[in-house]
Amino acid sequence: MNLTTRQLRIFVLLAETLSFHRTAEMLHVTQPTLSKLVKEIEEGLGIKLFERSTRMVRLSREGQDILETAKRITALHAKGMQELEQRLRERNNRVALAALPTLAASVIPQVIRNLTARDPRIRVEVFDPVANEALALLRDRRVDIAVTAKQDESAADLVYEELFTEPFVLFHSERMVPSVKEWSPAALAELPLISMPPGTSVRVLTERAFQEAGQPFNPVYSLRDLNTITRFVQGECGVALLPESSIDSEGQRGMRKGLLRGALTRSVGMYVRREYRASALVGMALAELRLAGRDRQIDAIVSGRATP
């Protein structure tokens, strides 16, 4: 018997989905190719792993007997490869960050400039997923630090450190100036609001704040891409209710930012794995992120958007 980890992964995936169609899509192969691969695995093991008909797929008794062992092997292999990738990053002057798209655009460039100014050999890998995906990358060891809004979930395996807080503001066009000047869900609900899609951290915070005020939150548009939101605002299709760092309104022609007294705020910070002992390079990145957060908070105090 000489099975590869890829063959074991194919077996585990198919055992979990019990669907040749879904498994083939996940592996980016055709169904006939997947059938051939499964047949090769069964021949290598000398047992039948699945019972198949035109309507259903299910694990055979032999398949059930070895599934947990196959899962352990594939999990250990994945963890080992992730740890190896982390070690290689450390040896090659690389640090990997996951940051929300809004933060990747507004905070991370400063961090990269400062790190490379210290040592031109440093390379920073940046991922810009949504919040939950950022934490998944961190847990999978694909990144060293996740910079994101604070999550509600209890994360015993992660440590969170706040960098700054920021208010929600109204982004509007020059001609479509809202009359609302303070945080009032009832008044805000009268506006043609644009927000992020359900499930995103921004949307969850906004919906919760509206619900606590007894006000349904029904934006006219729910858009994920910030460039698209910017175009919609510039085109006078609505008013975006988003955290302040979401859009650089000063750099966008025809767009303005409206502050709201007593506005909803969100905590932005960085997550690391609890058991992780940071390398010198990751320690430098953490220090630069703290400086960037401090600068952001000082700027908010000076401009009157926050209190010291």
Protein backbone atom coordinates (compact mmCIF):
# COMPACT_ATOMS: atom_id res chain seq x y z
CA MET A 1 0.00 0.00 0.00
CA ASN A 2 1.49 3.34 -1.05
CA LEU A 3 -1.16 6.06 -0.78
CA THR A 4 -0.30 9.74 -1.09
CA THR A 5 -1.70 12.43 1.20
CA ARG A 6 -3.57 13.80 -1.84
CA GLN A 7 -5.32 10.46 -2.30
CA LEU A 8 -6.26 10.39 1.38
CA ARG A 9 -7.58 13.95 1.10
CA ILE A 10 -9.73 12.96 -1.87
CA PHE A 11 -11.17 10.07 0.14
CA VAL A 12 -11.90 12.31 3.15
CA LEU A 13 -13.56 15.01 1.02
CA LEU A 14 -15.79 12.55 -0.77
CA ALA A 15 -16.67 10.84 2.52
CA GLU A 16 -17.73 14.22 3.94
CA THR A 17 -19.74 15.43 0.94
CA LEU A 18 -21.00 12.06 -0.38
CA SER A 19 -21.25 13.87 -3.70
CA PHE A 20 -19.00 13.28 -6.70
CA HIS A 21 -20.24 16.54 -8.22
CA ARG A 22 -19.38 18.73 -5.19
CA THR A 23 -16.09 16.96 -4.51
CA ALA A 24 -14.99 17.32 -8.14
CA GLU A 25 -15.75 21.05 -7.98
CA MET A 26 -13.75 21.42 -4.75
CA LEU A 27 -10.79 19.60 -6.30
CA HIS A 28 -11.14 21.41 -9.65
CA VAL A 29 -11.37 18.16 -11.63
CA THR A 30 -14.08 16.56 -13.77
CA GLN A 31 -16.37 13.88 -12.34
CA PRO A 32 -14.90 11.15 -14.63
CA THR A 33 -11.42 12.11 -13.40
CA LEU A 34 -12.60 11.93 -9.78
CA SER A 35 -14.16 8.49 -10.40
CA LYS A 36 -10.85 7.30 -11.84
CA LEU A 37 -8.94 8.67 -8.85
CA VAL A 38 -11.29 6.97 -6.37
CA LYS A 39 -10.94 3.68 -8.25
CA GLU A 40 -7.14 3.98 -8.03
CA ILE A 41 -7.39 4.57 -4.27
CA GLU A 42 -9.64 1.55 -3.80
CA GLU A 43 -7.32 -0.62 -5.86
CA GLY A 44 -4.32 0.59 -3.86
CA LEU A 45 -6.05 -0.30 -0.59
CA GLY A 46 -7.60 -3.49 -1.88
CA ILE A 47 -11.02 -2.58 -0.48
CA LYS A 48 -14.18 -0.85 -1.69
CA LEU A 49 -14.58 2.52 0.02
CA PHE A 50 -17.93 3.66 -1.38
CA GLU A 51 -21.20 2.10 -2.42
CA ARG A 52 -22.56 3.92 -5.45
CA SER A 53 -25.76 3.97 -7.42
CA THR A 54 -27.30 6.46 -9.87
CA ARG A 55 -29.05 8.20 -6.98
CA MET A 56 -26.74 8.05 -3.99
CA VAL A 57 -23.22 7.61 -2.65
CA ARG A 58 -22.43 6.23 0.78
CA LEU A 59 -19.46 4.92 2.66
CA SER A 60 -18.92 1.17 2.71
CA ARG A 61 -18.28 -0.56 6.02
CA GLU A 62 -14.56 -0.68 5.17
CA GLY A 63 -14.64 3.03 4.32
CA GLN A 64 -16.24 3.85 7.67
CA ASP A 65 -13.55 1.82 9.47
CA ILE A 66 -10.64 3.86 8.06
CA LEU A 67 -12.23 7.32 7.78
CA GLU A 68 -11.14 8.65 11.19
CA THR A 69 -7.56 7.45 10.63
CA ALA A 70 -7.51 9.13 7.21
CA LYS A 71 -8.81 12.37 8.76
CA ARG A 72 -6.08 12.35 11.40
CA ILE A 73 -3.38 11.76 8.81
CA THR A 74 -4.57 14.54 6.49
CA ALA A 75 -5.01 16.97 9.43
CA LEU A 76 -1.50 16.25 10.70
CA HIS A 77 -0.08 16.67 7.22
CA ALA A 78 -1.88 20.00 6.72
CA LYS A 79 -0.72 21.27 10.11
CA GLY A 80 2.86 20.20 9.40
CA MET A 81 2.88 21.97 6.04
CA GLN A 82 1.46 25.12 7.61
CA GLU A 83 4.13 25.08 10.32
CA LEU A 84 6.80 24.56 7.65
CA GLU A 85 5.47 27.51 5.66
CA GLN A 86 5.58 29.65 8.79
CA ARG A 87 9.19 28.67 9.49
CA LEU A 88 10.19 29.41 5.91
CA ARG A 89 8.64 32.87 6.18
CA GLU A 90 10.69 33.54 9.28
CA ARG A 91 13.94 32.37 7.65
CA ASN A 92 13.32 34.36 4.47
CA ASN A 93 12.46 37.71 6.07
CA ARG A 94 8.79 37.37 5.22
CA VAL A 95 5.79 38.22 7.37
CA ALA A 96 2.19 37.52 6.35
CA LEU A 97 -0.73 39.74 7.33
CA ALA A 98 -4.47 39.35 6.82
CA ALA A 99 -6.39 42.62 6.98
CA LEU A 100 -9.92 43.70 6.17
CA PRO A 101 -10.00 45.38 2.74
CA THR A 102 -10.64 48.77 4.35
CA LEU A 103 -7.64 48.36 6.65
CA ALA A 104 -5.44 46.80 3.99
CA ALA A 105 -5.89 50.01 2.01
CA SER A 106 -5.60 52.53 4.85
CA VAL A 107 -3.28 51.07 7.53
CA ILE A 108 -1.08 48.37 6.02
CA PRO A 109 0.80 50.54 3.45
CA GLN A 110 2.27 52.62 6.28
CA VAL A 111 3.36 49.43 8.09
CA ILE A 112 5.02 48.08 4.94
CA ARG A 113 6.86 51.37 4.32
CA ASN A 114 8.20 51.46 7.85
CA LEU A 115 9.28 47.82 7.86
CA THR A 116 11.10 48.01 4.54
CA ALA A 117 12.74 51.26 5.65
CA ARG A 118 14.24 49.31 8.54
CA ASP A 119 15.39 46.47 6.29
CA PRO A 120 14.89 46.47 2.49
CA ARG A 121 15.08 42.66 2.50
CA ILE A 122 11.81 42.36 4.39
CA ARG A 123 8.86 41.11 2.35
CA VAL A 124 5.27 41.53 3.55
CA GLU A 125 2.54 39.23 2.21
CA VAL A 126 -0.94 40.75 2.46
CA PHE A 127 -4.33 39.04 2.27
CA ASP A 128 -7.53 41.15 2.27
CA PRO A 129 -10.39 38.80 3.18
CA VAL A 130 -13.54 39.47 5.22
CA ALA A 131 -13.29 39.22 9.01
CA ASN A 132 -14.07 35.54 9.58
CA GLU A 133 -11.82 34.51 6.71
CA ALA A 134 -8.96 36.55 8.21
CA LEU A 135 -9.19 34.57 11.44
CA ALA A 136 -9.36 31.30 9.49
CA LEU A 137 -6.11 32.22 7.71
CA LEU A 138 -4.54 32.95 11.09
CA ARG A 139 -5.69 29.65 12.58
CA ASP A 140 -4.38 27.81 9.52
CA ARG A 141 -0.97 29.48 10.02
CA ARG A 142 -1.11 31.00 6.56
CA VAL A 143 -0.66 34.42 8.16
CA ASP A 144 1.15 35.61 11.27
CA ILE A 145 -1.21 38.46 12.20
CA ALA A 146 -4.86 39.24 11.43
CA VAL A 147 -5.86 42.91 11.49
CA THR A 148 -9.62 43.17 11.71
CA ALA A 149 -12.59 44.44 13.66
CA LYS A 150 -13.09 42.74 17.02
CA GLN A 151 -15.20 39.63 16.65
CA ASP A 152 -18.03 38.57 18.93
CA GLU A 153 -16.97 34.95 18.95
CA SER A 154 -15.12 33.60 21.96
CA ALA A 155 -11.63 32.81 20.67
CA ALA A 156 -9.72 30.94 23.35
CA ASP A 157 -7.00 30.11 20.84
CA LEU A 158 -6.46 33.75 19.78
CA VAL A 159 -5.36 36.94 21.52
CA TYR A 160 -6.85 40.32 20.53
CA GLU A 161 -5.18 43.70 21.03
CA GLU A 162 -7.09 46.87 20.16
CA LEU A 163 -5.31 49.35 17.90
CA PHE A 164 -7.97 52.06 17.62
CA THR A 165 -11.69 52.70 17.59
CA GLU A 166 -13.46 54.46 14.78
CA PRO A 167 -16.97 55.85 14.26
CA PHE A 168 -19.46 55.03 11.56
CA VAL A 169 -19.96 57.98 9.20
CA LEU A 170 -22.06 58.89 6.18
CA PHE A 171 -20.33 58.96 2.80
CA HIS A 172 -22.33 61.06 0.36
CA SER A 173 -21.99 62.96 -2.90
CA GLU A 174 -21.51 66.72 -3.06
CA ARG A 175 -25.11 67.27 -4.11
CA MET A 176 -26.76 64.51 -2.03
CA VAL A 177 -26.04 65.98 1.42
CA PRO A 178 -28.01 64.24 4.21
CA SER A 179 -29.65 66.38 6.88
CA VAL A 180 -28.94 63.79 9.62
CA LYS A 181 -26.15 65.03 11.92
CA GLU A 182 -26.36 62.63 14.85
CA TRP A 183 -26.67 58.89 15.38
CA SER A 184 -30.38 58.19 15.18
CA PRO A 185 -31.40 54.85 13.60
CA ALA A 186 -34.92 56.19 12.99
CA ALA A 187 -33.59 59.24 11.11
CA LEU A 188 -30.90 57.24 9.31
CA ALA A 189 -33.51 54.72 8.15
CA GLU A 190 -35.15 57.50 6.14
CA LEU A 191 -32.02 57.81 3.98
CA PRO A 192 -31.29 55.66 0.89
CA LEU A 193 -28.58 53.76 2.74
CA ILE A 194 -25.84 51.63 1.25
CA SER A 195 -24.19 48.99 3.44
CA MET A 196 -22.09 45.85 3.28
CA PRO A 197 -23.73 42.43 2.71
CA PRO A 198 -25.33 40.40 5.53
CA GLY A 199 -22.79 38.42 7.52
CA THR A 200 -19.97 40.95 7.22
CA SER A 201 -18.73 42.49 10.47
CA VAL A 202 -19.86 45.99 9.40
CA ARG A 203 -23.37 44.76 8.62
CA VAL A 204 -23.65 42.78 11.86
CA LEU A 205 -22.68 45.82 13.96
CA THR A 206 -25.07 48.10 12.07
CA GLU A 207 -28.01 45.71 12.26
CA ARG A 208 -27.49 45.17 15.98
CA ALA A 209 -27.41 48.92 16.68
CA PHE A 210 -30.60 49.47 14.70
CA GLN A 211 -32.34 46.53 16.38
CA GLU A 212 -31.43 47.82 19.83
CA ALA A 213 -33.17 51.07 18.88
CA GLY A 214 -36.21 49.13 17.64
CA GLN A 215 -35.54 50.15 14.06
CA PRO A 216 -35.34 47.68 11.12
CA PHE A 217 -32.26 48.06 8.96
CA ASN A 218 -33.15 47.87 5.27
CA PRO A 219 -30.46 49.42 3.05
CA VAL A 220 -31.35 50.02 -0.58
CA TYR A 221 -28.09 48.39 -1.67
CA SER A 222 -25.85 45.78 -0.01
CA LEU A 223 -22.46 45.80 -1.73
CA ARG A 224 -19.20 44.08 -0.78
CA ASP A 225 -16.73 45.89 -3.01
CA LEU A 226 -15.74 49.32 -1.67
CA ASN A 227 -14.91 50.63 -5.13
CA THR A 228 -18.46 49.77 -6.20
CA ILE A 229 -19.86 51.52 -3.13
CA THR A 230 -17.77 54.58 -3.96
CA ARG A 231 -19.14 54.64 -7.51
CA PHE A 232 -22.71 54.29 -6.26
CA VAL A 233 -22.23 57.21 -3.86
CA GLN A 234 -20.59 59.37 -6.52
CA GLY A 235 -23.44 58.47 -8.87
CA GLU A 236 -25.96 59.66 -6.24
CA CYS A 237 -27.53 56.21 -5.87
CA GLY A 238 -27.47 56.43 -2.09
CA VAL A 239 -25.57 57.31 1.08
CA ALA A 240 -23.08 54.81 2.53
CA LEU A 241 -23.17 54.16 6.28
CA LEU A 242 -19.74 52.68 7.00
CA PRO A 243 -16.78 52.89 9.41
CA GLU A 244 -14.67 55.98 8.78
CA SER A 245 -11.63 54.11 7.41
CA SER A 246 -13.71 52.35 4.76
CA ILE A 247 -13.26 55.03 2.09
CA ASP A 248 -10.73 57.81 1.63
CA SER A 249 -13.31 60.46 0.86
CA GLU A 250 -10.68 63.19 0.45
CA GLY A 251 -9.11 61.23 -2.37
CA GLN A 252 -12.41 60.63 -4.18
CA ARG A 253 -13.76 63.29 -6.50
CA GLY A 254 -17.31 64.35 -5.75
CA MET A 255 -17.50 62.53 -2.41
CA ARG A 256 -17.87 63.92 1.11
CA LYS A 257 -17.88 62.48 4.62
CA GLY A 258 -20.54 63.38 7.18
CA LEU A 259 -19.75 62.89 10.88
CA LEU A 260 -22.52 61.84 13.27
CA ARG A 261 -22.67 62.93 16.91
CA GLY A 262 -22.80 59.93 19.22
CA ALA A 263 -22.11 57.58 16.32
CA LEU A 264 -21.78 53.84 16.55
CA THR A 265 -18.10 52.82 16.81
CA ARG A 266 -16.14 49.67 16.16
CA SER A 267 -12.96 48.34 17.72
CA VAL A 268 -10.15 47.59 15.28
CA GLY A 269 -7.17 45.55 16.38
CA MET A 270 -4.88 42.63 15.70
CA TYR A 271 -5.21 38.95 16.46
CA VAL A 272 -2.36 36.49 16.96
CA ARG A 273 -2.45 32.83 17.93
CA ARG A 274 -2.24 32.42 21.69
CA GLU A 275 0.52 29.80 21.60
CA TYR A 276 2.57 31.61 18.94
CA ARG A 277 6.01 32.87 19.89
CA ALA A 278 6.59 35.78 17.57
CA SER A 279 9.83 35.95 15.63
CA ALA A 280 11.83 39.18 15.65
CA LEU A 281 10.30 40.17 12.31
CA VAL A 282 6.73 39.51 13.45
CA GLY A 283 7.51 41.46 16.62
CA MET A 284 8.59 44.39 14.44
CA ALA A 285 5.34 44.14 12.46
CA LEU A 286 3.29 44.13 15.68
CA ALA A 287 5.16 47.22 16.89
CA GLU A 288 4.54 49.05 13.61
CA LEU A 289 0.84 48.17 13.76
CA ARG A 290 0.67 49.60 17.29
CA LEU A 291 2.29 52.82 16.05
CA ALA A 292 -0.16 53.02 13.14
CA GLY A 293 -3.06 52.52 15.55
CA ARG A 294 -1.72 55.17 17.91
CA ASP A 295 -1.34 57.64 15.04
CA ARG A 296 -4.90 56.94 13.92
CA GLN A 297 -6.24 57.50 17.43
CA ILE A 298 -4.24 60.71 17.92
CA ASP A 299 -5.49 62.03 14.60
CA ALA A 300 -9.08 61.32 15.68
CA ILE A 301 -8.55 63.20 18.96
CA VAL A 302 -6.93 66.22 17.30
CA SER A 303 -9.72 66.45 14.71
CA GLY A 304 -12.38 66.19 17.43
CA ARG A 305 -13.75 62.82 16.31
CA ALA A 306 -12.75 61.08 19.54
CA THR A 307 -11.98 61.90 23.14
CA PRO A 308 -8.55 61.28 24.73
